[in-house]
Protein backbone atom coordinates (compact mmCIF):
# COMPACT_ATOMS: atom_id res chain seq x y z
CA MET A 1 29.55 66.72 43.33
CA LEU A 2 30.80 64.25 40.32
CA SER A 3 33.84 63.41 40.76
CA GLN A 4 36.42 63.38 37.83
CA SER A 5 38.72 60.59 36.96
CA ALA A 6 42.48 61.55 37.08
CA PRO A 7 44.08 61.85 34.17
CA PRO A 8 45.82 59.73 32.31
CA ASN A 9 49.54 59.57 33.15
CA LEU A 10 51.17 59.85 29.69
CA ASP A 11 54.24 58.81 30.51
CA GLU A 12 52.90 55.59 31.89
CA THR A 13 51.05 55.37 28.95
CA ALA A 14 54.34 55.35 27.21
CA HIS A 15 56.60 53.19 28.88
CA LYS A 16 54.35 50.53 28.21
CA ARG A 17 53.79 50.89 24.94
CA GLU A 18 57.34 50.79 23.99
CA ARG A 19 57.43 47.79 26.87
CA ARG A 20 54.24 46.04 24.40
CA LYS A 21 56.71 47.32 20.90
CA GLU A 22 59.73 45.27 22.59
CA ALA A 23 58.30 42.51 23.50
CA ARG A 24 56.45 41.74 19.82
CA PRO A 25 59.93 40.48 17.89
CA VAL A 26 59.38 37.58 20.89
CA GLU A 27 55.94 37.21 20.75
CA LEU A 28 56.15 36.55 16.87
CA LEU A 29 59.07 34.52 17.29
CA ASP A 30 57.48 32.31 20.07
CA ALA A 31 54.13 31.89 17.30
CA ALA A 32 56.22 31.51 14.74
CA LEU A 33 57.98 28.26 16.21
CA SER A 34 54.81 26.68 17.14
CA LEU A 35 53.09 26.83 13.42
CA PHE A 36 56.13 26.20 11.65
CA VAL A 37 56.57 22.98 13.87
CA GLU A 38 52.81 22.02 14.14
CA LYS A 39 52.00 23.10 10.28
CA GLY A 40 55.45 22.79 8.38
CA TYR A 41 57.28 25.55 6.49
CA ALA A 42 55.15 26.08 3.34
CA ALA A 43 51.78 25.97 4.97
CA THR A 44 52.68 28.21 7.71
CA LYS A 45 51.62 32.12 6.33
CA VAL A 46 52.46 35.37 8.23
CA GLU A 47 49.07 35.72 8.45
CA GLU A 48 48.63 33.05 11.33
CA VAL A 49 51.71 33.95 12.61
CA ALA A 50 51.02 37.89 13.12
CA ALA A 51 47.11 36.89 14.91
CA MET A 52 48.40 33.86 16.98
CA ALA A 53 50.65 36.92 18.31
CA GLY A 54 48.03 39.71 18.49
CA VAL A 55 49.17 41.91 15.77
CA SER A 56 48.82 42.88 12.19
CA LYS A 57 50.41 41.32 9.07
CA GLY A 58 52.14 44.96 8.28
CA THR A 59 53.14 44.73 12.16
CA LEU A 60 54.98 41.54 11.22
CA PHE A 61 56.75 42.96 8.46
CA LEU A 62 57.98 45.81 10.16
CA TYR A 63 60.47 43.31 12.09
CA PHE A 64 61.17 40.04 9.39
CA ALA A 65 60.65 41.36 5.89
CA THR A 66 59.67 37.92 4.27
CA LYS A 67 58.90 34.79 5.82
CA GLN A 68 62.19 33.42 5.02
CA ASP A 69 64.07 35.86 7.55
CA LEU A 70 61.23 35.21 9.79
CA PHE A 71 62.32 31.33 9.46
CA LYS A 72 65.70 32.41 10.25
CA ALA A 73 65.27 34.54 13.09
CA VAL A 74 63.23 31.33 14.77
CA ILE A 75 66.57 28.99 13.82
CA ARG A 76 68.79 31.52 15.56
CA SER A 77 66.54 32.44 18.24
CA ASN A 78 65.48 28.92 19.54
CA LEU A 79 69.20 26.61 18.44
CA ALA A 80 71.85 28.39 17.07
CA ASP A 81 72.17 31.23 19.68
CA HIS A 82 72.73 28.40 22.21
CA PHE A 83 76.41 27.84 20.24
CA PRO A 84 78.14 30.49 21.81
CA ALA A 85 76.93 29.91 25.85
CA TRP A 86 78.15 26.26 25.00
CA ASN A 87 81.47 27.26 23.33
CA GLN A 88 82.26 29.11 26.16
CA GLU A 89 81.14 26.63 29.04
CA PHE A 90 83.56 23.50 26.97
CA ASP A 91 86.30 25.78 27.09
CA SER A 92 86.45 26.14 31.03
CA PHE A 93 85.02 22.44 31.64
CA GLN A 94 86.81 21.16 34.42
CA GLY A 95 85.71 17.35 34.28
CA SER A 96 87.29 14.63 31.99
CA THR A 97 86.15 14.02 28.38
CA SER A 98 83.43 11.43 29.23
CA GLU A 99 81.78 13.61 31.83
CA MET A 100 82.14 16.69 29.12
CA LEU A 101 80.28 14.47 26.18
CA ALA A 102 77.27 13.31 28.73
CA TYR A 103 77.01 16.78 29.89
CA ALA A 104 76.88 18.04 26.13
CA MET A 105 74.08 15.56 25.15
CA GLN A 106 72.00 16.18 28.04
CA SER A 107 72.30 19.87 27.71
CA TRP A 108 70.84 19.95 24.08
CA TRP A 109 67.99 17.75 25.60
CA ASP A 110 67.28 19.97 28.34
CA ARG A 111 67.47 23.40 26.18
CA ILE A 112 66.33 21.79 22.88
CA GLY A 113 65.51 18.54 22.67
CA ASN A 114 62.81 18.36 25.14
CA THR A 115 60.79 21.55 23.52
CA ARG A 116 59.30 22.46 20.40
CA ALA A 117 62.41 24.19 19.14
CA SER A 118 63.67 20.20 17.87
CA GLY A 119 60.56 20.23 15.63
CA MET A 120 62.95 22.22 13.51
CA THR A 121 64.76 19.47 12.74
CA LYS A 122 61.96 17.09 11.37
CA LEU A 123 60.49 20.08 9.23
CA VAL A 124 64.29 20.83 7.30
CA ALA A 125 64.15 17.67 6.95
CA SER A 126 60.70 16.66 5.29
CA GLU A 127 60.64 20.04 3.73
CA GLY A 128 64.49 20.60 2.75
CA SER A 129 64.19 19.38 -1.02
CA ASN A 130 62.06 22.15 -2.10
CA PHE A 131 63.52 24.68 0.06
CA PRO A 132 67.64 24.50 -1.01
CA GLU A 133 67.83 27.72 0.97
CA VAL A 134 66.19 26.82 4.27
CA VAL A 135 68.71 22.97 4.41
CA GLU A 136 71.72 25.67 3.84
CA PHE A 137 70.94 28.11 6.36
CA TYR A 138 70.37 25.24 8.95
CA GLU A 139 73.55 23.82 8.25
CA ASN A 140 75.35 27.10 8.74
CA GLU A 141 73.55 28.14 11.21
CA VAL A 142 73.02 24.57 13.59
CA MET A 143 74.36 21.91 11.75
CA ARG A 144 77.86 22.86 11.10
CA PRO A 145 78.37 24.82 14.60
CA GLY A 146 77.09 21.40 16.33
CA ARG A 147 79.71 19.09 14.35
CA ALA A 148 82.70 21.37 15.16
CA LEU A 149 81.34 21.52 19.12
CA PHE A 150 81.45 17.53 18.98
CA LYS A 151 84.67 17.53 17.08
CA ALA A 152 86.30 19.38 19.59
CA ILE A 153 84.85 17.63 22.36
CA LEU A 154 86.12 14.06 20.90
CA GLN A 155 89.29 15.90 20.18
CA ARG A 156 90.10 16.79 23.54
CA GLY A 157 89.40 13.21 24.63
CA ILE A 158 92.13 12.04 21.76
CA ASP A 159 94.78 14.53 23.46
CA ARG A 160 94.28 13.76 26.79
CA GLY A 161 94.74 10.33 26.00
CA GLU A 162 91.28 9.27 27.27
CA PHE A 163 90.11 8.59 24.10
CA ARG A 164 91.55 6.80 21.34
CA PRO A 165 92.54 8.01 18.24
CA MET A 166 90.05 7.96 15.57
CA ASP A 167 88.65 9.79 12.42
CA THR A 168 86.67 12.72 14.39
CA ASP A 169 84.75 13.37 11.18
CA THR A 170 83.23 10.58 11.05
CA ALA A 171 82.70 9.92 14.74
CA VAL A 172 80.40 12.74 15.26
CA TYR A 173 77.88 11.51 12.96
CA SER A 174 77.21 8.75 15.90
CA LEU A 175 75.85 11.93 18.38
CA VAL A 176 74.36 13.82 15.68
CA SER A 177 72.18 10.52 14.31
CA THR A 178 71.41 10.22 18.49
CA ILE A 179 69.74 14.07 18.28
CA PHE A 180 68.11 13.48 15.19
CA PHE A 181 66.49 10.07 16.21
CA LEU A 182 65.01 11.78 19.81
CA SER A 183 64.21 15.01 17.46
CA MET A 184 62.20 12.98 15.19
CA TRP A 185 60.61 10.27 17.40
CA ARG A 186 59.37 13.32 19.83
CA HIS A 187 57.96 14.93 16.84
CA SER A 188 56.62 11.97 14.85
CA LEU A 189 56.24 8.85 16.24
CA SER A 190 56.18 9.24 19.84
CA PRO A 191 52.71 10.57 19.77
CA CYS A 192 52.01 7.16 17.91
CA ASP A 193 54.13 5.21 20.02
CA SER A 194 51.51 3.67 22.85
CA ALA A 195 52.74 0.03 22.26
CA THR A 196 56.33 1.08 23.62
CA THR A 197 57.54 3.35 26.73
CA LEU A 198 60.59 4.85 25.35
CA ASN A 199 62.14 7.13 28.17
CA PRO A 200 64.35 9.53 25.96
CA GLN A 201 66.18 10.52 29.04
CA ALA A 202 67.14 7.02 29.95
CA PHE A 203 68.04 6.49 25.65
CA LEU A 204 69.74 9.04 25.42
CA GLN A 205 72.11 8.28 28.76
CA SER A 206 72.38 4.67 26.99
CA HIS A 207 73.52 5.32 23.99
CA VAL A 208 76.18 7.87 25.31
CA HIS A 209 77.37 5.76 27.58
CA ALA A 210 77.73 2.92 24.82
CA LEU A 211 79.86 5.48 22.77
CA ILE A 212 81.97 6.51 25.19
CA HIS A 213 82.77 3.11 26.23
CA GLY A 214 84.06 2.39 22.42
CA TRP A 215 85.56 5.49 22.13
CA GLN A 216 87.56 5.41 25.66
CA ALA A 217 91.35 4.46 25.33
CA ALA A 218 92.67 0.79 26.52
């Protein structure tokens, strides 16, 4: 007697389809990040993003109306969305301001600097003149909150008598420039840097230590 296969479980099939639908934005953002970092903003085509994510271009447009919307979502999910958590962490930080600053820079390296997401800095720096709206969005979503966070840390040190009085608007760029250098090094210079053995974490710790030493109150 021929055996009959069990009828498909329609609830299970629908559940799997729903899970797949929910995963698509994440898969699209992951594919977009890879291509933006590898090829740049102008050269990346939405068809390539969709293909890498395993969906059609039409499906991509269900979630992101334009390439610029997709780019903004990549910036938010990989960079800007870290700031609420960081602000909450530092609001309740119990250590010294020197420890807070060292932790902030190390946390940036762990969560962004040592990941593909740091390549977005190179993208904005290299293509920003052609896409001013991209630069404006990056400034509002990443640079401005980052400077505000660093300024708050430095002001904490001043208020507690740990750091000498300083122009925090200017001082934050000593930290921002370190982030910029390591981002550019990782995605531009590191593959060609066979003559040296830069340890990015050691550099980060050394540079932050030097800054803290210079800022500490006598």
